[in-house]
């Protein structure tokens, strides 16, 4: 039984890192808590580069996600046919304007 839970911990950690690793720090197996409705993580740090792909004229100074819940399909046969769902609560972001050293005033205004 304990090997089953270890396998599930590793799978959940892999899945979360694959889906959210670009955006969130702290996605390790030791932070994962299995609940009755899925997997829960608490007090995660948002990476400063989480919004970089959107090319917005802002940058993240600090970011926290108080609660992340991952809900997986209930059966092994459903894992490939039904979606996994991610629920976020308490997302706090402190952001400010981003400037590149080679930006001109026109570049900043366009963004």
PDB file of N, CA and C in Angstrom:
ATOM      1  N   UNK A   1       0.809  -1.203   0.000  1.00  0.00           N
ATOM      2  CA  UNK A   1       0.000   0.000   0.000  1.00  0.00           C
ATOM      3  C   UNK A   1       0.852   1.267   0.000  1.00  0.00           C
ATOM      4  N   UNK A   2       1.940   1.263   0.797  1.00  0.00           N
ATOM      5  CA  UNK A   2       2.779   2.464   0.843  1.00  0.00           C
ATOM      6  C   UNK A   2       3.456   2.713  -0.508  1.00  0.00           C
ATOM      7  N   UNK A   3       3.771   1.652  -1.249  1.00  0.00           N
ATOM      8  CA  UNK A   3       4.373   1.853  -2.569  1.00  0.00           C
ATOM      9  C   UNK A   3       3.366   2.482  -3.534  1.00  0.00           C
ATOM     10  N   UNK A   4       2.079   2.171  -3.379  1.00  0.00           N
ATOM     11  CA  UNK A   4       1.036   2.777  -4.199  1.00  0.00           C
ATOM     12  C   UNK A   4       0.988   4.284  -3.943  1.00  0.00           C
ATOM     13  N   UNK A   5       1.038   4.686  -2.667  1.00  0.00           N
ATOM     14  CA  UNK A   5       1.005   6.102  -2.330  1.00  0.00           C
ATOM     15  C   UNK A   5       2.264   6.817  -2.820  1.00  0.00           C
ATOM     16  N   UNK A   6       3.406   6.167  -2.735  1.00  0.00           N
ATOM     17  CA  UNK A   6       4.636   6.761  -3.253  1.00  0.00           C
ATOM     18  C   UNK A   6       4.541   6.974  -4.756  1.00  0.00           C
ATOM     19  N   UNK A   7       3.986   5.986  -5.443  1.00  0.00           N
ATOM     20  CA  UNK A   7       3.806   6.099  -6.887  1.00  0.00           C
ATOM     21  C   UNK A   7       2.861   7.254  -7.213  1.00  0.00           C
ATOM     22  N   UNK A   8       1.766   7.385  -6.473  1.00  0.00           N
ATOM     23  CA  UNK A   8       0.818   8.473  -6.701  1.00  0.00           C
ATOM     24  C   UNK A   8       1.458   9.829  -6.393  1.00  0.00           C
ATOM     25  N   UNK A   9       2.267   9.901  -5.330  1.00  0.00           N
ATOM     26  CA  UNK A   9       2.984  11.133  -5.001  1.00  0.00           C
ATOM     27  C   UNK A   9       3.894  11.545  -6.152  1.00  0.00           C
ATOM     28  N   UNK A  10       4.625  10.585  -6.676  1.00  0.00           N
ATOM     29  CA  UNK A  10       5.553  10.865  -7.772  1.00  0.00           C
ATOM     30  C   UNK A  10       4.803  11.288  -9.033  1.00  0.00           C
ATOM     31  N   UNK A  11       3.692  10.599  -9.322  1.00  0.00           N
ATOM     32  CA  UNK A  11       2.894  10.938 -10.497  1.00  0.00           C
ATOM     33  C   UNK A  11       2.300  12.344 -10.360  1.00  0.00           C
ATOM     34  N   UNK A  12       1.749  12.647  -9.192  1.00  0.00           N
ATOM     35  CA  UNK A  12       1.158  13.967  -8.966  1.00  0.00           C
ATOM     36  C   UNK A  12       2.225  15.054  -9.069  1.00  0.00           C
ATOM     37  N   UNK A  13       3.385  14.806  -8.498  1.00  0.00           N
ATOM     38  CA  UNK A  13       4.480  15.770  -8.564  1.00  0.00           C
ATOM     39  C   UNK A  13       4.898  15.998 -10.016  1.00  0.00           C
ATOM     40  N   UNK A  14       5.036  14.929 -10.781  1.00  0.00           N
ATOM     41  CA  UNK A  14       5.398  15.035 -12.199  1.00  0.00           C
ATOM     42  C   UNK A  14       4.334  15.825 -12.964  1.00  0.00           C
ATOM     43  N   UNK A  15       3.069  15.492 -12.742  1.00  0.00           N
ATOM     44  CA  UNK A  15       1.975  16.146 -13.454  1.00  0.00           C
ATOM     45  C   UNK A  15       1.930  17.641 -13.130  1.00  0.00           C
ATOM     46  N   UNK A  16       2.052  17.980 -11.848  1.00  0.00           N
ATOM     47  CA  UNK A  16       2.017  19.382 -11.458  1.00  0.00           C
ATOM     48  C   UNK A  16       3.213  20.153 -12.015  1.00  0.00           C
ATOM     49  N   UNK A  17       4.391  19.547 -11.967  1.00  0.00           N
ATOM     50  CA  UNK A  17       5.571  20.217 -12.524  1.00  0.00           C
ATOM     51  C   UNK A  17       5.410  20.424 -14.025  1.00  0.00           C
ATOM     52  N   UNK A  18       4.844  19.435 -14.700  1.00  0.00           N
ATOM     53  CA  UNK A  18       4.637  19.530 -16.147  1.00  0.00           C
ATOM     54  C   UNK A  18       3.634  20.641 -16.485  1.00  0.00           C
ATOM     55  N   UNK A  19       2.545  20.708 -15.736  1.00  0.00           N
ATOM     56  CA  UNK A  19       1.497  21.686 -16.030  1.00  0.00           C
ATOM     57  C   UNK A  19       1.823  23.088 -15.525  1.00  0.00           C
ATOM     58  N   UNK A  20       2.444  23.177 -14.348  1.00  0.00           N
ATOM     59  CA  UNK A  20       2.588  24.466 -13.692  1.00  0.00           C
ATOM     60  C   UNK A  20       4.013  24.890 -13.370  1.00  0.00           C
ATOM     61  N   UNK A  21       4.983  24.025 -13.660  1.00  0.00           N
ATOM     62  CA  UNK A  21       6.360  24.301 -13.283  1.00  0.00           C
ATOM     63  C   UNK A  21       6.922  25.589 -13.853  1.00  0.00           C
ATOM     64  N   UNK A  22       6.413  26.023 -14.975  1.00  0.00           N
ATOM     65  CA  UNK A  22       6.866  27.270 -15.596  1.00  0.00           C
ATOM     66  C   UNK A  22       6.409  28.495 -14.795  1.00  0.00           C
ATOM     67  N   UNK A  23       5.361  28.321 -13.991  1.00  0.00           N
ATOM     68  CA  UNK A  23       4.740  29.445 -13.294  1.00  0.00           C
ATOM     69  C   UNK A  23       4.927  29.453 -11.781  1.00  0.00           C
ATOM     70  N   UNK A  24       5.123  28.264 -11.178  1.00  0.00           N
ATOM     71  CA  UNK A  24       5.069  28.135  -9.720  1.00  0.00           C
ATOM     72  C   UNK A  24       6.291  27.397  -9.184  1.00  0.00           C
ATOM     73  N   UNK A  25       6.818  27.888  -8.049  1.00  0.00           N
ATOM     74  CA  UNK A  25       7.884  27.193  -7.315  1.00  0.00           C
ATOM     75  C   UNK A  25       7.270  26.377  -6.182  1.00  0.00           C
ATOM     76  N   UNK A  26       7.940  25.318  -5.787  1.00  0.00           N
ATOM     77  CA  UNK A  26       7.513  24.531  -4.631  1.00  0.00           C
ATOM     78  C   UNK A  26       6.634  23.343  -4.961  1.00  0.00           C
ATOM     79  N   UNK A  27       6.708  22.867  -6.187  1.00  0.00           N
ATOM     80  CA  UNK A  27       5.880  21.732  -6.595  1.00  0.00           C
ATOM     81  C   UNK A  27       6.623  20.408  -6.370  1.00  0.00           C
ATOM     82  N   UNK A  28       6.952  20.088  -5.131  1.00  0.00           N
ATOM     83  CA  UNK A  28       7.604  18.806  -4.877  1.00  0.00           C
ATOM     84  C   UNK A  28       6.685  17.861  -4.136  1.00  0.00           C
ATOM     85  N   UNK A  29       7.035  16.596  -4.175  1.00  0.00           N
ATOM     86  CA  UNK A  29       6.211  15.554  -3.563  1.00  0.00           C
ATOM     87  C   UNK A  29       5.979  15.810  -2.077  1.00  0.00           C
ATOM     88  N   UNK A  30       6.941  16.409  -1.374  1.00  0.00           N
ATOM     89  CA  UNK A  30       6.775  16.637   0.066  1.00  0.00           C
ATOM     90  C   UNK A  30       5.707  17.686   0.374  1.00  0.00           C
ATOM     91  N   UNK A  31       5.356  18.540  -0.583  1.00  0.00           N
ATOM     92  CA  UNK A  31       4.331  19.568  -0.386  1.00  0.00           C
ATOM     93  C   UNK A  31       2.935  19.108  -0.801  1.00  0.00           C
ATOM     94  N   UNK A  32       2.836  17.910  -1.333  1.00  0.00           N
ATOM     95  CA  UNK A  32       1.566  17.430  -1.868  1.00  0.00           C
ATOM     96  C   UNK A  32       0.770  16.728  -0.777  1.00  0.00           C
ATOM     97  N   UNK A  33      -0.495  17.122  -0.657  1.00  0.00           N
ATOM     98  CA  UNK A  33      -1.396  16.515   0.320  1.00  0.00           C
ATOM     99  C   UNK A  33      -2.592  15.934  -0.419  1.00  0.00           C
ATOM    100  N   UNK A  34      -2.817  14.655  -0.217  1.00  0.00           N
ATOM    101  CA  UNK A  34      -3.967  14.016  -0.843  1.00  0.00           C
ATOM    102  C   UNK A  34      -5.180  14.213   0.044  1.00  0.00           C
ATOM    103  N   UNK A  35      -6.245  14.748  -0.548  1.00  0.00           N
ATOM    104  CA  UNK A  35      -7.502  14.934   0.170  1.00  0.00           C
ATOM    105  C   UNK A  35      -8.565  14.048  -0.440  1.00  0.00           C
ATOM    106  N   UNK A  36      -9.777  14.168   0.076  1.00  0.00           N
ATOM    107  CA  UNK A  36     -10.872  13.339  -0.429  1.00  0.00           C
ATOM    108  C   UNK A  36     -11.277  13.734  -1.842  1.00  0.00           C
ATOM    109  N   UNK A  37     -10.991  14.980  -2.222  1.00  0.00           N
ATOM    110  CA  UNK A  37     -11.403  15.445  -3.553  1.00  0.00           C
ATOM    111  C   UNK A  37     -10.233  15.691  -4.489  1.00  0.00           C
ATOM    112  N   UNK A  38      -9.048  15.228  -4.124  1.00  0.00           N
ATOM    113  CA  UNK A  38      -7.914  15.415  -5.012  1.00  0.00           C
ATOM    114  C   UNK A  38      -6.650  15.748  -4.262  1.00  0.00           C
ATOM    115  N   UNK A  39      -5.776  16.465  -4.933  1.00  0.00           N
ATOM    116  CA  UNK A  39      -4.455  16.805  -4.412  1.00  0.00           C
ATOM    117  C   UNK A  39      -4.445  18.292  -4.082  1.00  0.00           C
ATOM    118  N   UNK A  40      -3.856  18.619  -2.938  1.00  0.00           N
ATOM    119  CA  UNK A  40      -3.809  20.013  -2.511  1.00  0.00           C
ATOM    120  C   UNK A  40      -2.385  20.441  -2.194  1.00  0.00           C
ATOM    121  N   UNK A  41      -2.076  21.677  -2.563  1.00  0.00           N
ATOM    122  CA  UNK A  41      -0.812  22.314  -2.197  1.00  0.00           C
ATOM    123  C   UNK A  41      -1.149  23.687  -1.635  1.00  0.00           C
ATOM    124  N   UNK A  42      -0.324  24.132  -0.697  1.00  0.00           N
ATOM    125  CA  UNK A  42      -0.603  25.414  -0.049  1.00  0.00           C
ATOM    126  C   UNK A  42       0.633  26.299  -0.028  1.00  0.00           C
ATOM    127  N   UNK A  43       0.379  27.602  -0.068  1.00  0.00           N
ATOM    128  CA  UNK A  43       1.412  28.627   0.055  1.00  0.00           C
ATOM    129  C   UNK A  43       2.568  28.443  -0.932  1.00  0.00           C
ATOM    130  N   UNK A  44       2.216  28.460  -2.195  1.00  0.00           N
ATOM    131  CA  UNK A  44       3.207  28.338  -3.262  1.00  0.00           C
ATOM    132  C   UNK A  44       3.670  29.722  -3.703  1.00  0.00           C
ATOM    133  N   UNK A  45       4.888  29.805  -4.205  1.00  0.00           N
ATOM    134  CA  UNK A  45       5.427  31.058  -4.723  1.00  0.00           C
ATOM    135  C   UNK A  45       5.246  31.111  -6.236  1.00  0.00           C
ATOM    136  N   UNK A  46       4.747  32.226  -6.699  1.00  0.00           N
ATOM    137  CA  UNK A  46       4.616  32.450  -8.134  1.00  0.00           C
ATOM    138  C   UNK A  46       5.967  32.922  -8.654  1.00  0.00           C
ATOM    139  N   UNK A  47       6.434  32.331  -9.741  1.00  0.00           N
ATOM    140  CA  UNK A  47       7.723  32.729 -10.309  1.00  0.00           C
ATOM    141  C   UNK A  47       7.636  34.132 -10.885  1.00  0.00           C
ATOM    142  N   UNK A  48       8.707  34.861 -10.777  1.00  0.00           N
ATOM    143  CA  UNK A  48       8.751  36.233 -11.299  1.00  0.00           C
ATOM    144  C   UNK A  48       8.595  36.265 -12.819  1.00  0.00           C
ATOM    145  N   UNK A  49       8.867  35.149 -13.475  1.00  0.00           N
ATOM    146  CA  UNK A  49       8.763  35.067 -14.931  1.00  0.00           C
ATOM    147  C   UNK A  49       7.418  34.490 -15.401  1.00  0.00           C
ATOM    148  N   UNK A  50       6.470  34.311 -14.493  1.00  0.00           N
ATOM    149  CA  UNK A  50       5.205  33.647 -14.834  1.00  0.00           C
ATOM    150  C   UNK A  50       4.416  34.355 -15.930  1.00  0.00           C
ATOM    151  N   UNK A  51       4.504  35.655 -16.002  1.00  0.00           N
ATOM    152  CA  UNK A  51       3.750  36.406 -17.017  1.00  0.00           C
ATOM    153  C   UNK A  51       4.592  36.789 -18.226  1.00  0.00           C
ATOM    154  N   UNK A  52       5.840  36.379 -18.257  1.00  0.00           N
ATOM    155  CA  UNK A  52       6.765  36.802 -19.315  1.00  0.00           C
ATOM    156  C   UNK A  52       6.257  36.453 -20.713  1.00  0.00           C
ATOM    157  N   UNK A  53       5.643  35.311 -20.879  1.00  0.00           N
ATOM    158  CA  UNK A  53       5.154  34.885 -22.192  1.00  0.00           C
ATOM    159  C   UNK A  53       4.038  35.755 -22.739  1.00  0.00           C
ATOM    160  N   UNK A  54       3.402  36.543 -21.893  1.00  0.00           N
ATOM    161  CA  UNK A  54       2.307  37.409 -22.344  1.00  0.00           C
ATOM    162  C   UNK A  54       2.799  38.739 -22.905  1.00  0.00           C
ATOM    163  N   UNK A  55       4.093  39.021 -22.730  1.00  0.00           N
ATOM    164  CA  UNK A  55       4.719  40.247 -23.214  1.00  0.00           C
ATOM    165  C   UNK A  55       3.976  41.503 -22.759  1.00  0.00           C
ATOM    166  N   UNK A  56       3.587  41.504 -21.495  1.00  0.00           N
ATOM    167  CA  UNK A  56       2.931  42.662 -20.897  1.00  0.00           C
ATOM    168  C   UNK A  56       3.996  43.631 -20.382  1.00  0.00           C
ATOM    169  N   UNK A  57       3.662  44.890 -20.263  1.00  0.00           N
ATOM    170  CA  UNK A  57       4.648  45.856 -19.753  1.00  0.00           C
ATOM    171  C   UNK A  57       4.725  45.857 -18.224  1.00  0.00           C
ATOM    172  N   UNK A  58       4.525  44.699 -17.623  1.00  0.00           N
ATOM    173  CA  UNK A  58       4.615  44.568 -16.166  1.00  0.00           C
ATOM    174  C   UNK A  58       5.499  43.384 -15.819  1.00  0.00           C
ATOM    175  N   UNK A  59       6.019  43.403 -14.602  1.00  0.00           N
ATOM    176  CA  UNK A  59       6.771  42.273 -14.110  1.00  0.00           C
ATOM    177  C   UNK A  59       6.314  41.959 -12.695  1.00  0.00           C
ATOM    178  N   UNK A  60       6.367  40.699 -12.351  1.00  0.00           N
ATOM    179  CA  UNK A  60       5.966  40.263 -11.021  1.00  0.00           C
ATOM    180  C   UNK A  60       7.101  40.540 -10.055  1.00  0.00           C
ATOM    181  N   UNK A  61       6.782  41.237  -8.970  1.00  0.00           N
ATOM    182  CA  UNK A  61       7.758  41.471  -7.903  1.00  0.00           C
ATOM    183  C   UNK A  61       7.672  40.334  -6.884  1.00  0.00           C
ATOM    184  N   UNK A  62       6.456  39.976  -6.506  1.00  0.00           N
ATOM    185  CA  UNK A  62       6.181  38.854  -5.589  1.00  0.00           C
ATOM    186  C   UNK A  62       4.844  38.257  -5.977  1.00  0.00           C
ATOM    187  N   UNK A  63       4.695  36.969  -5.725  1.00  0.00           N
ATOM    188  CA  UNK A  63       3.420  36.320  -5.998  1.00  0.00           C
ATOM    189  C   UNK A  63       3.231  35.098  -5.119  1.00  0.00           C
ATOM    190  N   UNK A  64       2.011  34.912  -4.630  1.00  0.00           N
ATOM    191  CA  UNK A  64       1.689  33.784  -3.752  1.00  0.00           C
ATOM    192  C   UNK A  64       0.375  33.165  -4.209  1.00  0.00           C
ATOM    193  N   UNK A  65       0.322  31.855  -4.148  1.00  0.00           N
ATOM    194  CA  UNK A  65      -0.934  31.123  -4.335  1.00  0.00           C
ATOM    195  C   UNK A  65      -1.190  30.410  -3.016  1.00  0.00           C
ATOM    196  N   UNK A  66      -2.245  30.791  -2.308  1.00  0.00           N
ATOM    197  CA  UNK A  66      -2.534  30.205  -0.991  1.00  0.00           C
ATOM    198  C   UNK A  66      -2.966  28.752  -1.099  1.00  0.00           C
ATOM    199  N   UNK A  67      -3.727  28.423  -2.134  1.00  0.00           N
ATOM    200  CA  UNK A  67      -4.224  27.052  -2.258  1.00  0.00           C
ATOM    201  C   UNK A  67      -4.341  26.661  -3.723  1.00  0.00           C
ATOM    202  N   UNK A  68      -3.783  25.513  -4.057  1.00  0.00           N
ATOM    203  CA  UNK A  68      -3.908  24.933  -5.386  1.00  0.00           C
ATOM    204  C   UNK A  68      -4.473  23.532  -5.206  1.00  0.00           C
ATOM    205  N   UNK A  69      -5.566  23.248  -5.873  1.00  0.00           N
ATOM    206  CA  UNK A  69      -6.186  21.924  -5.785  1.00  0.00           C
ATOM    207  C   UNK A  69      -6.230  21.315  -7.176  1.00  0.00           C
ATOM    208  N   UNK A  70      -5.753  20.090  -7.270  1.00  0.00           N
ATOM    209  CA  UNK A  70      -5.775  19.339  -8.523  1.00  0.00           C
ATOM    210  C   UNK A  70      -6.777  18.212  -8.373  1.00  0.00           C
ATOM    211  N   UNK A  71      -7.771  18.200  -9.246  1.00  0.00           N
ATOM    212  CA  UNK A  71      -8.805  17.174  -9.216  1.00  0.00           C
ATOM    213  C   UNK A  71      -8.599  16.275 -10.431  1.00  0.00           C
ATOM    214  N   UNK A  72      -8.277  15.013 -10.172  1.00  0.00           N
ATOM    215  CA  UNK A  72      -8.042  14.045 -11.238  1.00  0.00           C
ATOM    216  C   UNK A  72      -9.273  13.188 -11.449  1.00  0.00           C
ATOM    217  N   UNK A  73      -9.460  12.639 -12.651  1.00  0.00           N
ATOM    218  CA  UNK A  73     -10.563  11.694 -12.873  1.00  0.00           C
ATOM    219  C   UNK A  73     -10.451  10.520 -11.891  1.00  0.00           C
ATOM    220  N   UNK A  74     -11.595   9.963 -11.530  1.00  0.00           N
ATOM    221  CA  UNK A  74     -11.607   8.973 -10.449  1.00  0.00           C
ATOM    222  C   UNK A  74     -11.096   7.590 -10.839  1.00  0.00           C
ATOM    223  N   UNK A  75     -11.240   7.192 -12.054  1.00  0.00           N
ATOM    224  CA  UNK A  75     -10.815   5.844 -12.434  1.00  0.00           C
ATOM    225  C   UNK A  75      -9.668   5.852 -13.419  1.00  0.00           C
ATOM    226  N   UNK A  76      -8.949   4.750 -13.474  1.00  0.00           N
ATOM    227  CA  UNK A  76      -7.817   4.657 -14.400  1.00  0.00           C
ATOM    228  C   UNK A  76      -8.256   4.777 -15.851  1.00  0.00           C
ATOM    229  N   UNK A  77      -9.434   4.248 -16.172  1.00  0.00           N
ATOM    230  CA  UNK A  77      -9.908   4.336 -17.559  1.00  0.00           C
ATOM    231  C   UNK A  77     -10.313   5.762 -17.927  1.00  0.00           C
ATOM    232  N   UNK A  78     -10.663   6.579 -16.925  1.00  0.00           N
ATOM    233  CA  UNK A  78     -11.088   7.954 -17.194  1.00  0.00           C
ATOM    234  C   UNK A  78      -9.921   8.922 -17.316  1.00  0.00           C
ATOM    235  N   UNK A  79      -8.735   8.496 -16.906  1.00  0.00           N
ATOM    236  CA  UNK A  79      -7.587   9.415 -16.877  1.00  0.00           C
ATOM    237  C   UNK A  79      -7.230   9.937 -18.271  1.00  0.00           C
ATOM    238  N   UNK A  80      -7.517   9.169 -19.304  1.00  0.00           N
ATOM    239  CA  UNK A  80      -7.214   9.623 -20.665  1.00  0.00           C
ATOM    240  C   UNK A  80      -8.404  10.252 -21.367  1.00  0.00           C
ATOM    241  N   UNK A  81      -9.604  10.134 -20.794  1.00  0.00           N
ATOM    242  CA  UNK A  81     -10.790  10.657 -21.474  1.00  0.00           C
ATOM    243  C   UNK A  81     -11.436  11.841 -20.765  1.00  0.00           C
ATOM    244  N   UNK A  82     -11.166  12.027 -19.491  1.00  0.00           N
ATOM    245  CA  UNK A  82     -11.771  13.127 -18.732  1.00  0.00           C
ATOM    246  C   UNK A  82     -10.683  14.114 -18.319  1.00  0.00           C
ATOM    247  N   UNK A  83     -11.041  15.385 -18.196  1.00  0.00           N
ATOM    248  CA  UNK A  83     -10.023  16.387 -17.874  1.00  0.00           C
ATOM    249  C   UNK A  83      -9.605  16.381 -16.401  1.00  0.00           C
ATOM    250  N   UNK A  84      -8.374  16.781 -16.164  1.00  0.00           N
ATOM    251  CA  UNK A  84      -7.930  17.118 -14.818  1.00  0.00           C
ATOM    252  C   UNK A  84      -8.307  18.587 -14.625  1.00  0.00           C
ATOM    253  N   UNK A  85      -8.642  18.968 -13.407  1.00  0.00           N
ATOM    254  CA  UNK A  85      -9.036  20.354 -13.130  1.00  0.00           C
ATOM    255  C   UNK A  85      -8.130  20.938 -12.062  1.00  0.00           C
ATOM    256  N   UNK A  86      -7.761  22.187 -12.249  1.00  0.00           N
ATOM    257  CA  UNK A  86      -6.922  22.890 -11.289  1.00  0.00           C
ATOM    258  C   UNK A  86      -7.710  24.082 -10.756  1.00  0.00           C
ATOM    259  N   UNK A  87      -7.804  24.171  -9.429  1.00  0.00           N
ATOM    260  CA  UNK A  87      -8.499  25.268  -8.769  1.00  0.00           C
ATOM    261  C   UNK A  87      -7.484  26.067  -7.955  1.00  0.00           C
ATOM    262  N   UNK A  88      -7.499  27.376  -8.125  1.00  0.00           N
ATOM    263  CA  UNK A  88      -6.597  28.261  -7.392  1.00  0.00           C
ATOM    264  C   UNK A  88      -7.407  29.154  -6.470  1.00  0.00           C
ATOM    265  N   UNK A  89      -6.910  29.351  -5.262  1.00  0.00           N
ATOM    266  CA  UNK A  89      -7.538  30.276  -4.318  1.00  0.00           C
ATOM    267  C   UNK A  89      -6.452  31.147  -3.709  1.00  0.00           C
ATOM    268  N   UNK A  90      -6.791  32.385  -3.445  1.00  0.00           N
ATOM    269  CA  UNK A  90      -5.857  33.293  -2.801  1.00  0.00           C
ATOM    270  C   UNK A  90      -4.633  33.560  -3.641  1.00  0.00           C
ATOM    271  N   UNK A  91      -4.843  34.039  -4.857  1.00  0.00           N
ATOM    272  CA  UNK A  91      -3.721  34.389  -5.738  1.00  0.00           C
ATOM    273  C   UNK A  91      -3.434  35.877  -5.537  1.00  0.00           C
ATOM    274  N   UNK A  92      -2.256  36.160  -5.019  1.00  0.00           N
ATOM    275  CA  UNK A  92      -1.856  37.538  -4.744  1.00  0.00           C
ATOM    276  C   UNK A  92      -0.601  37.847  -5.550  1.00  0.00           C
ATOM    277  N   UNK A  93      -0.661  38.941  -6.316  1.00  0.00           N
ATOM    278  CA  UNK A  93       0.471  39.328  -7.151  1.00  0.00           C
ATOM    279  C   UNK A  93       0.788  40.799  -6.903  1.00  0.00           C
ATOM    280  N   UNK A  94       2.039  41.058  -6.606  1.00  0.00           N
ATOM    281  CA  UNK A  94       2.544  42.418  -6.543  1.00  0.00           C
ATOM    282  C   UNK A  94       3.358  42.613  -7.815  1.00  0.00           C
ATOM    283  N   UNK A  95       2.896  43.538  -8.657  1.00  0.00           N
ATOM    284  CA  UNK A  95       3.542  43.743  -9.956  1.00  0.00           C
ATOM    285  C   UNK A  95       3.865  45.214 -10.138  1.00  0.00           C
ATOM    286  N   UNK A  96       4.790  45.463 -11.015  1.00  0.00           N
ATOM    287  CA  UNK A  96       5.174  46.832 -11.339  1.00  0.00           C
ATOM    288  C   UNK A  96       5.536  46.920 -12.805  1.00  0.00           C
ATOM    289  N   UNK A  97       5.785  48.124 -13.282  1.00  0.00           N
ATOM    290  CA  UNK A  97       6.136  48.281 -14.696  1.00  0.00           C
ATOM    291  C   UNK A  97       7.473  47.615 -15.000  1.00  0.00           C
ATOM    292  N   UNK A  98       7.567  47.068 -16.177  1.00  0.00           N
ATOM    293  CA  UNK A  98       8.840  46.468 -16.582  1.00  0.00           C
ATOM    294  C   UNK A  98       9.496  47.369 -17.612  1.00  0.00           C
ATOM    295  N   UNK A  99      10.771  47.525 -17.460  1.00  0.00           N
ATOM    296  CA  UNK A  99      11.538  48.327 -18.400  1.00  0.00           C
ATOM    297  C   UNK A  99      12.760  47.533 -18.817  1.00  0.00           C
ATOM    298  N   UNK A 100      13.049  47.591 -20.083  1.00  0.00           N
ATOM    299  CA  UNK A 100      14.298  47.014 -20.586  1.00  0.00           C
ATOM    300  C   UNK A 100      15.275  48.152 -20.768  1.00  0.00           C
ATOM    301  N   UNK A 101      16.548  47.870 -20.610  1.00  0.00           N
ATOM    302  CA  UNK A 101      17.514  48.958 -20.689  1.00  0.00           C
ATOM    303  C   UNK A 101      17.561  49.617 -22.066  1.00  0.00           C
ATOM    304  N   UNK A 102      17.151  48.898 -23.118  1.00  0.00           N
ATOM    305  CA  UNK A 102      17.176  49.502 -24.450  1.00  0.00           C
ATOM    306  C   UNK A 102      15.812  50.058 -24.873  1.00  0.00           C
ATOM    307  N   UNK A 103      14.836  50.134 -23.939  1.00  0.00           N
ATOM    308  CA  UNK A 103      13.521  50.697 -24.258  1.00  0.00           C
ATOM    309  C   UNK A 103      13.595  52.183 -24.498  1.00  0.00           C
ATOM    310  N   UNK A 104      12.849  52.617 -25.505  1.00  0.00           N
ATOM    311  CA  UNK A 104      12.644  54.045 -25.714  1.00  0.00           C
ATOM    312  C   UNK A 104      11.279  54.388 -25.150  1.00  0.00           C
ATOM    313  N   UNK A 105      10.972  55.647 -25.046  1.00  0.00           N
ATOM    314  CA  UNK A 105       9.662  56.072 -24.539  1.00  0.00           C
ATOM    315  C   UNK A 105       8.544  55.536 -25.439  1.00  0.00           C
ATOM    316  N   UNK A 106       8.784  55.479 -26.752  1.00  0.00           N
ATOM    317  CA  UNK A 106       7.793  54.949 -27.686  1.00  0.00           C
ATOM    318  C   UNK A 106       7.558  53.457 -27.455  1.00  0.00           C
ATOM    319  N   UNK A 107       8.618  52.702 -27.181  1.00  0.00           N
ATOM    320  CA  UNK A 107       8.488  51.269 -26.912  1.00  0.00           C
ATOM    321  C   UNK A 107       7.597  51.029 -25.699  1.00  0.00           C
ATOM    322  N   UNK A 108       7.829  51.776 -24.642  1.00  0.00           N
ATOM    323  CA  UNK A 108       7.056  51.622 -23.410  1.00  0.00           C
ATOM    324  C   UNK A 108       5.600  51.961 -23.651  1.00  0.00           C
ATOM    325  N   UNK A 109       5.354  53.041 -24.395  1.00  0.00           N
ATOM    326  CA  UNK A 109       3.990  53.459 -24.654  1.00  0.00           C
ATOM    327  C   UNK A 109       3.240  52.439 -25.521  1.00  0.00           C
ATOM    328  N   UNK A 110       3.916  51.829 -26.477  1.00  0.00           N
ATOM    329  CA  UNK A 110       3.292  50.830 -27.350  1.00  0.00           C
ATOM    330  C   UNK A 110       2.848  49.604 -26.561  1.00  0.00           C
ATOM    331  N   UNK A 111       3.634  49.226 -25.560  1.00  0.00           N
ATOM    332  CA  UNK A 111       3.288  48.060 -24.758  1.00  0.00           C
ATOM    333  C   UNK A 111       2.209  48.435 -23.794  1.00  0.00           C
TER     334      UNK A 111
END
